[in-house]
Amino acid sequence: MKKMSVADAAAFFGVSKEAVHNRIRRGSLQSVVENGVKMVLVDENKKKTAPKRALKNSSNDERYYKLLEAQNAKLQERVEVLENETRSLRDQKEQMLIEERQKIERIYKEKDEQLKNILQTLSSKFMLGAPLEEDDETVEAEMVELEEEIESNVISLKKYLKKSGFSKKRTEKIKKRFQKNAKKDDERVIVIGSKYYLDTAKYDYSDLVK
């Protein structure tokens, strides 16, 4: 019998140190304690071979790891496909939003140009000989004629109130609200000269006409 440390015994039998401790607890290996160190009594005549189970397990582990690697490779490929699909969908959505925004901007740019043309036309009329004492009714008639060139959703406050059939008292309150908000630079209130306009397709005026 030869005395060996647990580590040496593990190397001798080709097992782990934990396996050596298990053998000692089961009694298949003898041990002694010298100077506080556990020593294993080993018969050197015993052939140093790895247990068949260990070899079998090693072979199974190798096949298992190869299987995991193959599955991992397939999963990685699937992840890449999904990432590409997600990226493509995100790009398509962004492009749709950009096109929709550009479409809306074009619509309102055209409206702005129409309103600018109205202002220029009015200025030209007044500067090219329109009498300064011209009464309000004539000016109103010209404005109404020009309004017909604007899309139906852009309407003067006067025409809007007339169509709505509000009471005189309520009409006056609504006019005051528009005047007040125009001074606050409320973008919903379009001001041309002394008149106010509403763009009912673009803005909500429920708080002003309540």
N, C-alpha and C. Protein backbone atom coordinates (compact mmCIF):
# COMPACT_ATOMS: atom_id res chain seq x y z
N MET A 1 0.84 -1.20 0.00
CA MET A 1 0.00 0.00 0.00
C MET A 1 0.88 1.26 0.00
N LYS A 2 0.49 2.19 -0.76
CA LYS A 2 1.22 3.46 -0.82
C LYS A 2 0.29 4.58 -0.39
N LYS A 3 0.84 5.47 0.38
CA LYS A 3 0.05 6.62 0.81
C LYS A 3 0.13 7.73 -0.25
N MET A 4 -1.03 8.24 -0.59
CA MET A 4 -1.11 9.33 -1.57
C MET A 4 -2.07 10.40 -1.06
N SER A 5 -1.81 11.62 -1.51
CA SER A 5 -2.78 12.68 -1.20
C SER A 5 -4.04 12.44 -2.02
N VAL A 6 -5.09 13.10 -1.64
CA VAL A 6 -6.36 12.92 -2.37
C VAL A 6 -6.18 13.30 -3.84
N ALA A 7 -5.43 14.37 -4.10
CA ALA A 7 -5.21 14.80 -5.47
C ALA A 7 -4.43 13.76 -6.26
N ASP A 8 -3.38 13.21 -5.63
CA ASP A 8 -2.59 12.18 -6.31
C ASP A 8 -3.42 10.94 -6.57
N ALA A 9 -4.26 10.56 -5.60
CA ALA A 9 -5.11 9.39 -5.76
C ALA A 9 -6.11 9.60 -6.90
N ALA A 10 -6.63 10.81 -7.00
CA ALA A 10 -7.57 11.11 -8.08
C ALA A 10 -6.88 10.97 -9.43
N ALA A 11 -5.63 11.48 -9.51
CA ALA A 11 -4.88 11.36 -10.75
C ALA A 11 -4.55 9.91 -11.06
N PHE A 12 -4.27 9.12 -10.03
CA PHE A 12 -3.92 7.72 -10.19
C PHE A 12 -5.09 6.92 -10.76
N PHE A 13 -6.28 7.17 -10.22
CA PHE A 13 -7.47 6.43 -10.67
C PHE A 13 -8.17 7.08 -11.87
N GLY A 14 -7.71 8.31 -12.22
CA GLY A 14 -8.33 8.99 -13.35
C GLY A 14 -9.73 9.48 -13.05
N VAL A 15 -9.95 9.92 -11.81
CA VAL A 15 -11.27 10.43 -11.40
C VAL A 15 -11.06 11.78 -10.71
N SER A 16 -12.18 12.36 -10.30
CA SER A 16 -12.09 13.64 -9.60
C SER A 16 -11.78 13.42 -8.13
N LYS A 17 -11.36 14.49 -7.46
CA LYS A 17 -11.09 14.41 -6.02
C LYS A 17 -12.36 14.10 -5.25
N GLU A 18 -13.48 14.59 -5.74
CA GLU A 18 -14.76 14.32 -5.09
C GLU A 18 -15.08 12.82 -5.15
N ALA A 19 -14.74 12.20 -6.28
CA ALA A 19 -14.96 10.76 -6.42
C ALA A 19 -14.11 9.98 -5.42
N VAL A 20 -12.88 10.46 -5.19
CA VAL A 20 -12.00 9.80 -4.19
C VAL A 20 -12.63 9.91 -2.80
N HIS A 21 -13.13 11.12 -2.45
CA HIS A 21 -13.78 11.29 -1.15
C HIS A 21 -15.00 10.38 -1.01
N ASN A 22 -15.75 10.23 -2.12
CA ASN A 22 -16.93 9.36 -2.07
C ASN A 22 -16.52 7.91 -1.81
N ARG A 23 -15.44 7.48 -2.43
CA ARG A 23 -14.95 6.11 -2.22
C ARG A 23 -14.51 5.90 -0.77
N ILE A 24 -13.88 6.93 -0.24
CA ILE A 24 -13.44 6.81 1.17
C ILE A 24 -14.66 6.68 2.08
N ARG A 25 -15.72 7.48 1.79
CA ARG A 25 -16.92 7.40 2.62
C ARG A 25 -17.61 6.04 2.48
N ARG A 26 -17.56 5.48 1.26
CA ARG A 26 -18.20 4.17 1.05
C ARG A 26 -17.35 3.03 1.61
N GLY A 27 -16.08 3.30 1.83
CA GLY A 27 -15.21 2.27 2.38
C GLY A 27 -14.45 1.50 1.33
N SER A 28 -14.58 1.89 0.05
CA SER A 28 -13.85 1.17 -1.00
C SER A 28 -12.39 1.60 -1.04
N LEU A 29 -12.09 2.72 -0.39
CA LEU A 29 -10.71 3.16 -0.25
C LEU A 29 -10.44 3.44 1.23
N GLN A 30 -9.22 3.12 1.65
CA GLN A 30 -8.84 3.39 3.02
C GLN A 30 -8.04 4.69 3.08
N SER A 31 -8.12 5.37 4.21
CA SER A 31 -7.39 6.63 4.36
C SER A 31 -6.91 6.77 5.79
N VAL A 32 -5.88 7.59 5.96
CA VAL A 32 -5.35 7.90 7.28
C VAL A 32 -5.07 9.41 7.31
N VAL A 33 -5.00 9.97 8.49
CA VAL A 33 -4.71 11.39 8.64
C VAL A 33 -3.33 11.54 9.26
N GLU A 34 -2.46 12.22 8.55
CA GLU A 34 -1.12 12.46 9.04
C GLU A 34 -0.86 13.96 9.06
N ASN A 35 -0.52 14.44 10.27
CA ASN A 35 -0.25 15.88 10.44
C ASN A 35 -1.41 16.73 9.91
N GLY A 36 -2.60 16.25 10.15
CA GLY A 36 -3.79 16.99 9.76
C GLY A 36 -4.14 16.86 8.30
N VAL A 37 -3.41 16.04 7.53
CA VAL A 37 -3.69 15.87 6.11
C VAL A 37 -4.17 14.45 5.86
N LYS A 38 -5.30 14.36 5.09
CA LYS A 38 -5.86 13.05 4.79
C LYS A 38 -5.05 12.40 3.68
N MET A 39 -4.57 11.18 3.92
CA MET A 39 -3.80 10.44 2.94
C MET A 39 -4.58 9.20 2.56
N VAL A 40 -4.53 8.84 1.31
CA VAL A 40 -5.27 7.69 0.79
C VAL A 40 -4.30 6.52 0.64
N LEU A 41 -4.73 5.32 1.10
CA LEU A 41 -3.91 4.10 0.97
C LEU A 41 -4.27 3.45 -0.36
N VAL A 42 -3.30 3.39 -1.28
CA VAL A 42 -3.56 2.91 -2.63
C VAL A 42 -2.69 1.70 -2.90
N ASP A 43 -3.31 0.67 -3.54
CA ASP A 43 -2.59 -0.51 -3.96
C ASP A 43 -2.07 -0.24 -5.37
N GLU A 44 -0.77 -0.05 -5.50
CA GLU A 44 -0.20 0.32 -6.79
C GLU A 44 -0.29 -0.80 -7.81
N ASN A 45 -0.63 -2.01 -7.36
CA ASN A 45 -0.75 -3.13 -8.30
C ASN A 45 -2.05 -3.04 -9.11
N LYS A 46 -2.96 -2.22 -8.59
CA LYS A 46 -4.22 -2.05 -9.33
C LYS A 46 -3.94 -1.25 -10.59
N LYS A 47 -4.52 -1.71 -11.70
CA LYS A 47 -4.29 -1.06 -12.99
C LYS A 47 -4.97 0.31 -13.02
N LYS A 48 -4.22 1.27 -13.46
CA LYS A 48 -4.74 2.64 -13.54
C LYS A 48 -5.50 2.80 -14.86
N THR A 49 -6.77 2.59 -14.78
CA THR A 49 -7.62 2.70 -15.97
C THR A 49 -8.82 3.57 -15.67
N ALA A 50 -9.28 4.24 -16.69
CA ALA A 50 -10.48 5.06 -16.52
C ALA A 50 -11.69 4.16 -16.53
N PRO A 51 -12.63 4.38 -15.69
CA PRO A 51 -13.85 3.57 -15.64
C PRO A 51 -14.57 3.61 -16.98
N LYS A 52 -15.15 2.44 -17.32
CA LYS A 52 -15.87 2.36 -18.60
C LYS A 52 -17.01 3.36 -18.66
N ARG A 53 -17.66 3.56 -17.49
CA ARG A 53 -18.78 4.49 -17.46
C ARG A 53 -18.30 5.90 -17.82
N ALA A 54 -17.09 6.24 -17.32
CA ALA A 54 -16.57 7.56 -17.60
C ALA A 54 -16.30 7.75 -19.08
N LEU A 55 -15.76 6.68 -19.72
CA LEU A 55 -15.51 6.75 -21.15
C LEU A 55 -16.81 6.88 -21.92
N LYS A 56 -17.81 6.14 -21.47
CA LYS A 56 -19.11 6.18 -22.13
C LYS A 56 -19.74 7.56 -21.99
N ASN A 57 -19.65 8.07 -20.76
CA ASN A 57 -20.21 9.40 -20.52
C ASN A 57 -19.51 10.45 -21.35
N SER A 58 -18.17 10.30 -21.49
CA SER A 58 -17.40 11.25 -22.28
C SER A 58 -17.87 11.25 -23.73
N SER A 59 -18.15 10.06 -24.27
CA SER A 59 -18.63 9.94 -25.65
C SER A 59 -20.01 10.57 -25.79
N ASN A 60 -20.87 10.30 -24.80
CA ASN A 60 -22.23 10.88 -24.83
C ASN A 60 -22.18 12.40 -24.74
N ASP A 61 -21.28 12.89 -23.87
CA ASP A 61 -21.15 14.34 -23.72
C ASP A 61 -20.74 15.00 -25.03
N GLU A 62 -19.83 14.34 -25.74
CA GLU A 62 -19.35 14.91 -26.99
C GLU A 62 -20.48 15.01 -28.01
N ARG A 63 -21.28 13.90 -28.10
CA ARG A 63 -22.42 13.93 -29.02
C ARG A 63 -23.43 14.99 -28.60
N TYR A 64 -23.63 15.14 -27.29
CA TYR A 64 -24.58 16.12 -26.76
C TYR A 64 -24.13 17.54 -27.10
N TYR A 65 -22.84 17.81 -26.93
CA TYR A 65 -22.32 19.14 -27.24
C TYR A 65 -22.44 19.45 -28.73
N LYS A 66 -22.19 18.42 -29.58
CA LYS A 66 -22.32 18.64 -31.02
C LYS A 66 -23.77 18.95 -31.39
N LEU A 67 -24.71 18.25 -30.72
CA LEU A 67 -26.13 18.50 -30.96
C LEU A 67 -26.50 19.92 -30.56
N LEU A 68 -25.98 20.34 -29.39
CA LEU A 68 -26.26 21.70 -28.93
C LEU A 68 -25.70 22.74 -29.89
N GLU A 69 -24.50 22.49 -30.39
CA GLU A 69 -23.88 23.42 -31.32
C GLU A 69 -24.70 23.54 -32.61
N ALA A 70 -25.19 22.38 -33.11
CA ALA A 70 -26.00 22.39 -34.33
C ALA A 70 -27.31 23.17 -34.11
N GLN A 71 -27.96 22.90 -32.95
CA GLN A 71 -29.21 23.61 -32.64
C GLN A 71 -28.96 25.11 -32.46
N ASN A 72 -27.84 25.44 -31.82
CA ASN A 72 -27.50 26.84 -31.62
C ASN A 72 -27.27 27.55 -32.95
N ALA A 73 -26.63 26.85 -33.89
CA ALA A 73 -26.38 27.43 -35.21
C ALA A 73 -27.70 27.69 -35.94
N LYS A 74 -28.65 26.73 -35.82
CA LYS A 74 -29.96 26.91 -36.47
C LYS A 74 -30.72 28.08 -35.84
N LEU A 75 -30.66 28.16 -34.52
CA LEU A 75 -31.34 29.26 -33.83
C LEU A 75 -30.74 30.60 -34.22
N GLN A 76 -29.42 30.64 -34.34
CA GLN A 76 -28.75 31.88 -34.73
C GLN A 76 -29.18 32.32 -36.13
N GLU A 77 -29.30 31.33 -37.04
CA GLU A 77 -29.75 31.65 -38.39
C GLU A 77 -31.17 32.20 -38.36
N ARG A 78 -32.03 31.59 -37.52
CA ARG A 78 -33.42 32.04 -37.42
C ARG A 78 -33.50 33.45 -36.84
N VAL A 79 -32.65 33.71 -35.85
CA VAL A 79 -32.61 35.05 -35.25
C VAL A 79 -32.21 36.09 -36.30
N GLU A 80 -31.23 35.77 -37.12
CA GLU A 80 -30.78 36.70 -38.15
C GLU A 80 -31.89 36.97 -39.17
N VAL A 81 -32.64 35.91 -39.53
CA VAL A 81 -33.76 36.07 -40.48
C VAL A 81 -34.82 36.99 -39.88
N LEU A 82 -35.18 36.75 -38.61
CA LEU A 82 -36.19 37.57 -37.95
C LEU A 82 -35.73 39.01 -37.81
N GLU A 83 -34.45 39.21 -37.49
CA GLU A 83 -33.92 40.57 -37.38
C GLU A 83 -34.00 41.30 -38.72
N ASN A 84 -33.68 40.58 -39.80
CA ASN A 84 -33.75 41.20 -41.13
C ASN A 84 -35.19 41.54 -41.50
N GLU A 85 -36.13 40.63 -41.16
CA GLU A 85 -37.54 40.89 -41.45
C GLU A 85 -38.04 42.09 -40.64
N THR A 86 -37.65 42.14 -39.36
CA THR A 86 -38.06 43.26 -38.50
C THR A 86 -37.50 44.57 -39.02
N ARG A 87 -36.23 44.55 -39.44
CA ARG A 87 -35.59 45.76 -39.97
C ARG A 87 -36.30 46.22 -41.25
N SER A 88 -36.68 45.24 -42.09
CA SER A 88 -37.36 45.58 -43.33
C SER A 88 -38.74 46.19 -43.07
N LEU A 89 -39.48 45.60 -42.11
CA LEU A 89 -40.80 46.12 -41.77
C LEU A 89 -40.69 47.53 -41.18
N ARG A 90 -39.67 47.73 -40.34
CA ARG A 90 -39.47 49.05 -39.73
C ARG A 90 -39.15 50.10 -40.80
N ASP A 91 -38.31 49.71 -41.77
CA ASP A 91 -37.97 50.64 -42.85
C ASP A 91 -39.20 50.98 -43.69
N GLN A 92 -40.04 49.96 -43.96
CA GLN A 92 -41.25 50.19 -44.74
C GLN A 92 -42.20 51.14 -44.01
N LYS A 93 -42.33 50.92 -42.69
CA LYS A 93 -43.21 51.78 -41.89
C LYS A 93 -42.72 53.22 -41.89
N GLU A 94 -41.41 53.39 -41.71
CA GLU A 94 -40.84 54.74 -41.71
C GLU A 94 -41.05 55.42 -43.06
N GLN A 95 -40.89 54.65 -44.15
CA GLN A 95 -41.08 55.22 -45.48
C GLN A 95 -42.53 55.64 -45.69
N MET A 96 -43.48 54.82 -45.20
CA MET A 96 -44.90 55.15 -45.32
C MET A 96 -45.22 56.42 -44.55
N LEU A 97 -44.65 56.56 -43.35
CA LEU A 97 -44.89 57.75 -42.55
C LEU A 97 -44.31 58.99 -43.23
N ILE A 98 -43.12 58.83 -43.82
CA ILE A 98 -42.49 59.95 -44.51
C ILE A 98 -43.35 60.39 -45.70
N GLU A 99 -43.83 59.41 -46.48
CA GLU A 99 -44.65 59.74 -47.65
C GLU A 99 -45.96 60.40 -47.24
N GLU A 100 -46.57 59.90 -46.14
CA GLU A 100 -47.83 60.48 -45.66
C GLU A 100 -47.61 61.91 -45.18
N ARG A 101 -46.50 62.13 -44.46
CA ARG A 101 -46.20 63.47 -43.98
C ARG A 101 -45.96 64.42 -45.15
N GLN A 102 -45.24 63.97 -46.16
CA GLN A 102 -44.98 64.80 -47.33
C GLN A 102 -46.27 65.13 -48.06
N LYS A 103 -47.18 64.16 -48.10
CA LYS A 103 -48.47 64.39 -48.75
C LYS A 103 -49.26 65.47 -48.02
N ILE A 104 -49.29 65.38 -46.69
CA ILE A 104 -50.00 66.37 -45.88
C ILE A 104 -49.36 67.75 -46.05
N GLU A 105 -48.02 67.78 -46.04
CA GLU A 105 -47.32 69.06 -46.20
C GLU A 105 -47.64 69.69 -47.55
N ARG A 106 -47.73 68.87 -48.61
CA ARG A 106 -48.06 69.40 -49.93
C ARG A 106 -49.46 70.01 -49.96
N ILE A 107 -50.42 69.30 -49.29
CA ILE A 107 -51.80 69.79 -49.27
C ILE A 107 -51.87 71.16 -48.61
N TYR A 108 -51.22 71.27 -47.44
CA TYR A 108 -51.31 72.54 -46.72
C TYR A 108 -50.43 73.63 -47.32
N LYS A 109 -49.41 73.23 -48.04
CA LYS A 109 -48.62 74.22 -48.75
C LYS A 109 -49.45 74.84 -49.86
N GLU A 110 -50.23 73.99 -50.54
CA GLU A 110 -51.11 74.50 -51.59
C GLU A 110 -52.15 75.46 -51.00
N LYS A 111 -52.68 75.11 -49.83
CA LYS A 111 -53.66 75.99 -49.18
C LYS A 111 -53.02 77.32 -48.80
N ASP A 112 -51.79 77.25 -48.29
CA ASP A 112 -51.09 78.48 -47.92
C ASP A 112 -50.88 79.37 -49.15
N GLU A 113 -50.56 78.73 -50.28
CA GLU A 113 -50.35 79.50 -51.50
C GLU A 113 -51.66 80.15 -51.95
N GLN A 114 -52.77 79.45 -51.78
CA GLN A 114 -54.07 80.00 -52.16
C GLN A 114 -54.41 81.22 -51.29
N LEU A 115 -54.16 81.09 -49.99
CA LEU A 115 -54.42 82.22 -49.09
C LEU A 115 -53.51 83.40 -49.41
N LYS A 116 -52.26 83.11 -49.76
CA LYS A 116 -51.32 84.18 -50.11
C LYS A 116 -51.79 84.90 -51.37
N ASN A 117 -52.31 84.12 -52.33
CA ASN A 117 -52.81 84.72 -53.56
C ASN A 117 -54.00 85.64 -53.29
N ILE A 118 -54.84 85.24 -52.35
CA ILE A 118 -56.00 86.06 -51.98
C ILE A 118 -55.53 87.40 -51.42
N LEU A 119 -54.55 87.31 -50.52
CA LEU A 119 -54.02 88.55 -49.93
C LEU A 119 -53.42 89.46 -51.01
N GLN A 120 -52.65 88.86 -51.91
CA GLN A 120 -52.03 89.64 -52.98
C GLN A 120 -53.09 90.26 -53.89
N THR A 121 -54.14 89.51 -54.16
CA THR A 121 -55.21 90.02 -55.01
C THR A 121 -55.92 91.19 -54.35
N LEU A 122 -56.19 91.04 -53.04
CA LEU A 122 -56.84 92.13 -52.31
C LEU A 122 -55.98 93.38 -52.29
N SER A 123 -54.68 93.17 -52.04
CA SER A 123 -53.77 94.32 -52.00
C SER A 123 -53.73 95.02 -53.35
N SER A 124 -53.72 94.23 -54.42
CA SER A 124 -53.68 94.81 -55.76
C SER A 124 -54.95 95.61 -56.04
N LYS A 125 -56.08 95.07 -55.64
CA LYS A 125 -57.35 95.75 -55.87
C LYS A 125 -57.38 97.11 -55.19
N PHE A 126 -56.91 97.14 -53.95
CA PHE A 126 -56.96 98.38 -53.19
C PHE A 126 -55.93 99.39 -53.69
N MET A 127 -54.77 98.88 -54.17
CA MET A 127 -53.71 99.78 -54.62
C MET A 127 -53.90 100.27 -56.04
N LEU A 128 -54.72 99.56 -56.81
CA LEU A 128 -54.90 99.93 -58.22
C LEU A 128 -56.21 100.68 -58.46
N GLY A 129 -56.59 101.54 -57.54
CA GLY A 129 -57.71 102.41 -57.81
C GLY A 129 -58.98 102.13 -57.06
N ALA A 130 -59.02 101.12 -56.20
CA ALA A 130 -60.24 100.88 -55.43
C ALA A 130 -60.43 102.06 -54.50
N PRO A 131 -61.61 102.72 -54.53
CA PRO A 131 -61.83 103.90 -53.69
C PRO A 131 -61.68 103.58 -52.22
N LEU A 132 -61.00 104.49 -51.49
CA LEU A 132 -60.77 104.28 -50.07
C LEU A 132 -62.07 104.30 -49.28
N GLU A 133 -63.06 105.06 -49.79
CA GLU A 133 -64.31 105.15 -49.06
C GLU A 133 -65.26 104.01 -49.41
N GLU A 134 -64.78 103.03 -50.11
CA GLU A 134 -65.62 101.90 -50.49
C GLU A 134 -66.23 101.28 -49.25
N ASP A 135 -67.53 101.06 -49.31
CA ASP A 135 -68.22 100.57 -48.10
C ASP A 135 -67.87 99.11 -47.81
N ASP A 136 -68.17 98.71 -46.60
CA ASP A 136 -67.82 97.36 -46.14
C ASP A 136 -68.54 96.27 -46.93
N GLU A 137 -69.72 96.55 -47.39
CA GLU A 137 -70.48 95.53 -48.11
C GLU A 137 -69.79 95.13 -49.41
N THR A 138 -69.20 96.13 -50.11
CA THR A 138 -68.49 95.82 -51.36
C THR A 138 -67.26 94.96 -51.08
N VAL A 139 -66.51 95.32 -50.02
CA VAL A 139 -65.33 94.54 -49.64
C VAL A 139 -65.73 93.11 -49.28
N GLU A 140 -66.82 93.01 -48.55
CA GLU A 140 -67.30 91.69 -48.14
C GLU A 140 -67.65 90.85 -49.37
N ALA A 141 -68.28 91.48 -50.38
CA ALA A 141 -68.66 90.76 -51.60
C ALA A 141 -67.44 90.24 -52.33
N GLU A 142 -66.37 91.04 -52.39
CA GLU A 142 -65.15 90.61 -53.05
C GLU A 142 -64.49 89.46 -52.30
N MET A 143 -64.51 89.55 -50.98
CA MET A 143 -63.92 88.49 -50.17
C MET A 143 -64.67 87.18 -50.36
N VAL A 144 -66.02 87.28 -50.42
CA VAL A 144 -66.83 86.07 -50.61
C VAL A 144 -66.51 85.43 -51.95
N GLU A 145 -66.33 86.26 -52.97
CA GLU A 145 -66.02 85.74 -54.30
C GLU A 145 -64.68 85.01 -54.31
N LEU A 146 -63.70 85.60 -53.60
CA LEU A 146 -62.38 84.97 -53.55
C LEU A 146 -62.37 83.71 -52.71
N GLU A 147 -63.23 83.69 -51.71
CA GLU A 147 -63.28 82.50 -50.83
C GLU A 147 -63.69 81.25 -51.59
N GLU A 148 -64.44 81.43 -52.69
CA GLU A 148 -64.90 80.28 -53.45
C GLU A 148 -63.74 79.52 -54.08
N GLU A 149 -62.58 80.17 -54.19
CA GLU A 149 -61.40 79.52 -54.75
C GLU A 149 -60.70 78.62 -53.74
N ILE A 150 -61.04 78.78 -52.45
CA ILE A 150 -60.42 77.96 -51.40
C ILE A 150 -61.21 76.69 -51.21
N GLU A 151 -60.56 75.64 -50.77
CA GLU A 151 -61.26 74.39 -50.49
C GLU A 151 -62.34 74.61 -49.45
N SER A 152 -63.39 73.77 -49.52
CA SER A 152 -64.58 73.98 -48.72
C SER A 152 -64.32 73.93 -47.22
N ASN A 153 -63.26 73.28 -46.78
CA ASN A 153 -63.00 73.16 -45.35
C ASN A 153 -62.36 74.42 -44.76
N VAL A 154 -61.90 75.37 -45.61
CA VAL A 154 -61.40 76.66 -45.14
C VAL A 154 -62.52 77.68 -45.34
N ILE A 155 -63.05 78.23 -44.27
CA ILE A 155 -64.24 79.06 -44.34
C ILE A 155 -64.08 80.26 -43.42
N SER A 156 -64.67 81.38 -43.80
CA SER A 156 -64.58 82.56 -42.95
C SER A 156 -65.42 82.36 -41.71
N LEU A 157 -65.04 83.04 -40.65
CA LEU A 157 -65.79 82.93 -39.39
C LEU A 157 -67.21 83.42 -39.58
N LYS A 158 -67.36 84.49 -40.35
CA LYS A 158 -68.70 85.06 -40.56
C LYS A 158 -69.61 84.05 -41.24
N LYS A 159 -69.09 83.41 -42.31
CA LYS A 159 -69.90 82.42 -43.02
C LYS A 159 -70.18 81.21 -42.13
N TYR A 160 -69.18 80.80 -41.36
CA TYR A 160 -69.34 79.64 -40.45
C TYR A 160 -70.45 79.91 -39.44
N LEU A 161 -70.42 81.11 -38.84
CA LEU A 161 -71.44 81.45 -37.84
C LEU A 161 -72.82 81.56 -38.47
N LYS A 162 -72.88 82.06 -39.69
CA LYS A 162 -74.15 82.20 -40.37
C LYS A 162 -74.76 80.84 -40.67
N LYS A 163 -73.92 79.89 -41.14
CA LYS A 163 -74.40 78.55 -41.44
C LYS A 163 -74.79 77.79 -40.18
N SER A 164 -74.11 78.06 -39.08
CA SER A 164 -74.36 77.32 -37.83
C SER A 164 -75.66 77.73 -37.18
N GLY A 165 -76.17 78.93 -37.46
CA GLY A 165 -77.44 79.38 -36.90
C GLY A 165 -77.39 79.66 -35.41
N PHE A 166 -76.24 80.12 -34.91
CA PHE A 166 -76.14 80.45 -33.49
C PHE A 166 -76.96 81.70 -33.17
N SER A 167 -77.31 81.83 -31.90
CA SER A 167 -78.00 83.03 -31.46
C SER A 167 -77.05 84.23 -31.53
N LYS A 168 -77.63 85.42 -31.53
CA LYS A 168 -76.82 86.63 -31.62
C LYS A 168 -75.87 86.75 -30.44
N LYS A 169 -76.37 86.39 -29.27
CA LYS A 169 -75.54 86.47 -28.06
C LYS A 169 -74.36 85.51 -28.14
N ARG A 170 -74.65 84.28 -28.58
CA ARG A 170 -73.57 83.28 -28.69
C ARG A 170 -72.59 83.66 -29.79
N THR A 171 -73.11 84.22 -30.87
CA THR A 171 -72.25 84.65 -31.97
C THR A 171 -71.24 85.69 -31.52
N GLU A 172 -71.69 86.65 -30.74
CA GLU A 172 -70.80 87.69 -30.24
C GLU A 172 -69.71 87.11 -29.34
N LYS A 173 -70.09 86.12 -28.51
CA LYS A 173 -69.10 85.49 -27.61
C LYS A 173 -68.04 84.75 -28.42
N ILE A 174 -68.50 84.07 -29.48
CA ILE A 174 -67.55 83.31 -30.32
C ILE A 174 -66.58 84.26 -31.02
N LYS A 175 -67.10 85.39 -31.53
CA LYS A 175 -66.24 86.37 -32.19
C LYS A 175 -65.16 86.89 -31.24
N LYS A 176 -65.57 87.16 -29.98
CA LYS A 176 -64.61 87.67 -28.99
C LYS A 176 -63.53 86.63 -28.71
N ARG A 177 -63.93 85.35 -28.66
CA ARG A 177 -62.94 84.29 -28.41
C ARG A 177 -61.93 84.23 -29.56
N PHE A 178 -62.41 84.34 -30.80
CA PHE A 178 -61.50 84.31 -31.95
C PHE A 178 -60.55 85.51 -31.94
N GLN A 179 -61.09 86.68 -31.59
CA GLN A 179 -60.25 87.87 -31.52
C GLN A 179 -59.17 87.71 -30.45
N LYS A 180 -59.57 87.16 -29.30
CA LYS A 180 -58.64 86.97 -28.20
C LYS A 180 -57.56 85.96 -28.58
N ASN A 181 -57.93 84.85 -29.19
CA ASN A 181 -56.96 83.82 -29.57
C ASN A 181 -56.07 84.27 -30.72
N ALA A 182 -56.60 85.13 -31.60
CA ALA A 182 -55.78 85.65 -32.69
C ALA A 182 -54.64 86.49 -32.13
N LYS A 183 -54.92 87.26 -31.07
CA LYS A 183 -53.89 88.07 -30.43
C LYS A 183 -52.83 87.19 -29.75
N LYS A 184 -53.24 85.98 -29.36
CA LYS A 184 -52.30 85.05 -28.73
C LYS A 184 -51.55 84.22 -29.76
N ASP A 185 -51.71 84.58 -31.04
CA ASP A 185 -51.05 83.85 -32.14
C ASP A 185 -51.48 82.39 -32.19
N ASP A 186 -52.77 82.14 -31.95
CA ASP A 186 -53.32 80.79 -32.08
C ASP A 186 -53.29 80.40 -33.55
N GLU A 187 -52.50 79.37 -33.90
CA GLU A 187 -52.33 78.99 -35.31
C GLU A 187 -53.62 78.52 -35.96
N ARG A 188 -54.61 78.18 -35.15
CA ARG A 188 -55.88 77.72 -35.71
C ARG A 188 -56.67 78.86 -36.34
N VAL A 189 -56.43 80.07 -35.86
CA VAL A 189 -57.18 81.24 -36.34
C VAL A 189 -56.39 81.90 -37.47
N ILE A 190 -56.93 81.81 -38.70
CA ILE A 190 -56.29 82.40 -39.86
C ILE A 190 -56.83 83.82 -40.03
N VAL A 191 -55.95 84.79 -40.02
CA VAL A 191 -56.36 86.19 -40.10
C VAL A 191 -55.96 86.77 -41.45
N ILE A 192 -56.96 87.30 -42.18
CA ILE A 192 -56.70 87.98 -43.45
C ILE A 192 -57.35 89.35 -43.35
N GLY A 193 -56.52 90.37 -43.26
CA GLY A 193 -57.05 91.72 -43.05
C GLY A 193 -57.72 91.79 -41.69
N SER A 194 -59.01 92.06 -41.70
CA SER A 194 -59.77 92.12 -40.45
C SER A 194 -60.69 90.92 -40.29
N LYS A 195 -60.53 89.94 -41.18
CA LYS A 195 -61.42 88.78 -41.15
C LYS A 195 -60.70 87.56 -40.59
N TYR A 196 -61.51 86.67 -40.04
CA TYR A 196 -60.98 85.44 -39.45
C TYR A 196 -61.49 84.24 -40.24
N TYR A 197 -60.59 83.24 -40.39
CA TYR A 197 -60.94 82.04 -41.14
C TYR A 197 -60.68 80.80 -40.29
N LEU A 198 -61.42 79.71 -40.61
CA LEU A 198 -61.27 78.44 -39.91
C LEU A 198 -60.86 77.38 -40.92
N ASP A 199 -59.94 76.52 -40.53
CA ASP A 199 -59.57 75.35 -41.33
C ASP A 199 -60.10 74.14 -40.58
N THR A 200 -61.35 73.78 -40.85
CA THR A 200 -62.02 72.73 -40.06
C THR A 200 -61.46 71.34 -40.30
N ALA A 201 -60.75 71.14 -41.40
CA ALA A 201 -60.16 69.82 -41.66
C ALA A 201 -58.89 69.61 -40.87
N LYS A 202 -58.20 70.70 -40.56
CA LYS A 202 -56.90 70.60 -39.89
C LYS A 202 -57.00 70.79 -38.38
N TYR A 203 -57.96 71.65 -37.92
CA TYR A 203 -57.99 72.00 -36.51
C TYR A 203 -59.36 71.74 -35.89
N ASP A 204 -59.34 71.63 -34.57
CA ASP A 204 -60.57 71.49 -33.78
C ASP A 204 -60.87 72.83 -33.12
N TYR A 205 -62.09 73.34 -33.34
CA TYR A 205 -62.49 74.64 -32.80
C TYR A 205 -63.57 74.52 -31.74
N SER A 206 -63.77 73.31 -31.21
CA SER A 206 -64.86 73.08 -30.27
C SER A 206 -64.76 73.97 -29.03
N ASP A 207 -63.53 74.29 -28.62
CA ASP A 207 -63.36 75.13 -27.42
C ASP A 207 -63.70 76.59 -27.70
N LEU A 208 -63.68 77.01 -28.98
CA LEU A 208 -63.95 78.40 -29.33
C LEU A 208 -65.42 78.65 -29.69
N VAL A 209 -66.12 77.58 -30.13
CA VAL A 209 -67.51 77.76 -30.57
C VAL A 209 -68.51 77.13 -29.59
N LYS A 210 -68.04 76.77 -28.40
CA LYS A 210 -68.94 76.12 -27.45
C LYS A 210 -69.98 77.11 -26.93
